[in-house]
């Protein structure tokens, strides 16, 4: 968006990534930018899908699955490692479409979808049990292949044979740019960007120190009077600051206080981050930025072709 004057004299807001969150953020920020500012959206694809058009994201996945349909149908036995929600649905769909095919789900935890309550785990486990899907709460150790037959070894020493193995252990966020800027902004284990509740980029050690300080204050505080509250996790960031107040991170790239990277959470993160960006652009430094608190985790999971949990 270019308004009055030469592009050389304009200040710029850059949005990296043009998927659901990035495209929506660019829309919101562009609508509120004052004169003298422009917005640039950068994406690796030549065509950026419009926000809220789910078919754009679904069609490529359907094309990939269609390409694997014949090999899956011909395979005598299947095994896959990892149990995110999409592959819980995939496993139960497969059991419904191809009943009798041996399927083993290798999951590192004894609890399926551990971010949710026990009812979610119980419902999924019972559905898989009734579909004769073998669920193992063990971690993958080694994968080897001999004569077209694959062997999976778990950390307990168990050996599982399967003709086709699918690795569904997830992806790492593309935060290498932030890592090269300042390694303290990225969690070394998860590759997620550290953020304040304003969704501004933060330093991992600063957040940890602030949280430790609040915990110490709570331990040494006198008994609270009725109606009073001790400092909680949100309040610790009131004293935390960041050397990068002009950089924001949302969605899959952000360590967003336990929020699952689902569309409804992304919606609120985008809306809040865009308003905070515009507040900084307008120079309203005397007003506090909005703070993000994720809502309760929620998800619909299809278990086979019709049951819904």
Foldseek 3Di string as FASTA:
>chain_A
DADDDDPVQAAEAEFEAQAQLRVVLQVLLQVQFDHRYDYYYDYPDPDRDHHPPVVVVVVVVVVVVVVCVVVVVPWQEEEEEAADQVVLQVLLQCLQVPPPRAYEYEYQAPFHPVLDDNVVRVVSVVLCVVSNYHYHNFAWDDWDDDPQKIWTATPVGDIDITNYYHYDHDDADPCVVVCVVPVQQADPPRRAGEAQQLQWGAGNVLLVVLVVVQVVCVVPDDDDDPPDDRDDSNVSCVPGDHPGRQHGDDAPRHPNVSAHRDDVRSVVSSVQNSVQNSCVSVVVPVDDRDGDDDDRDDDWHDRHDDDID
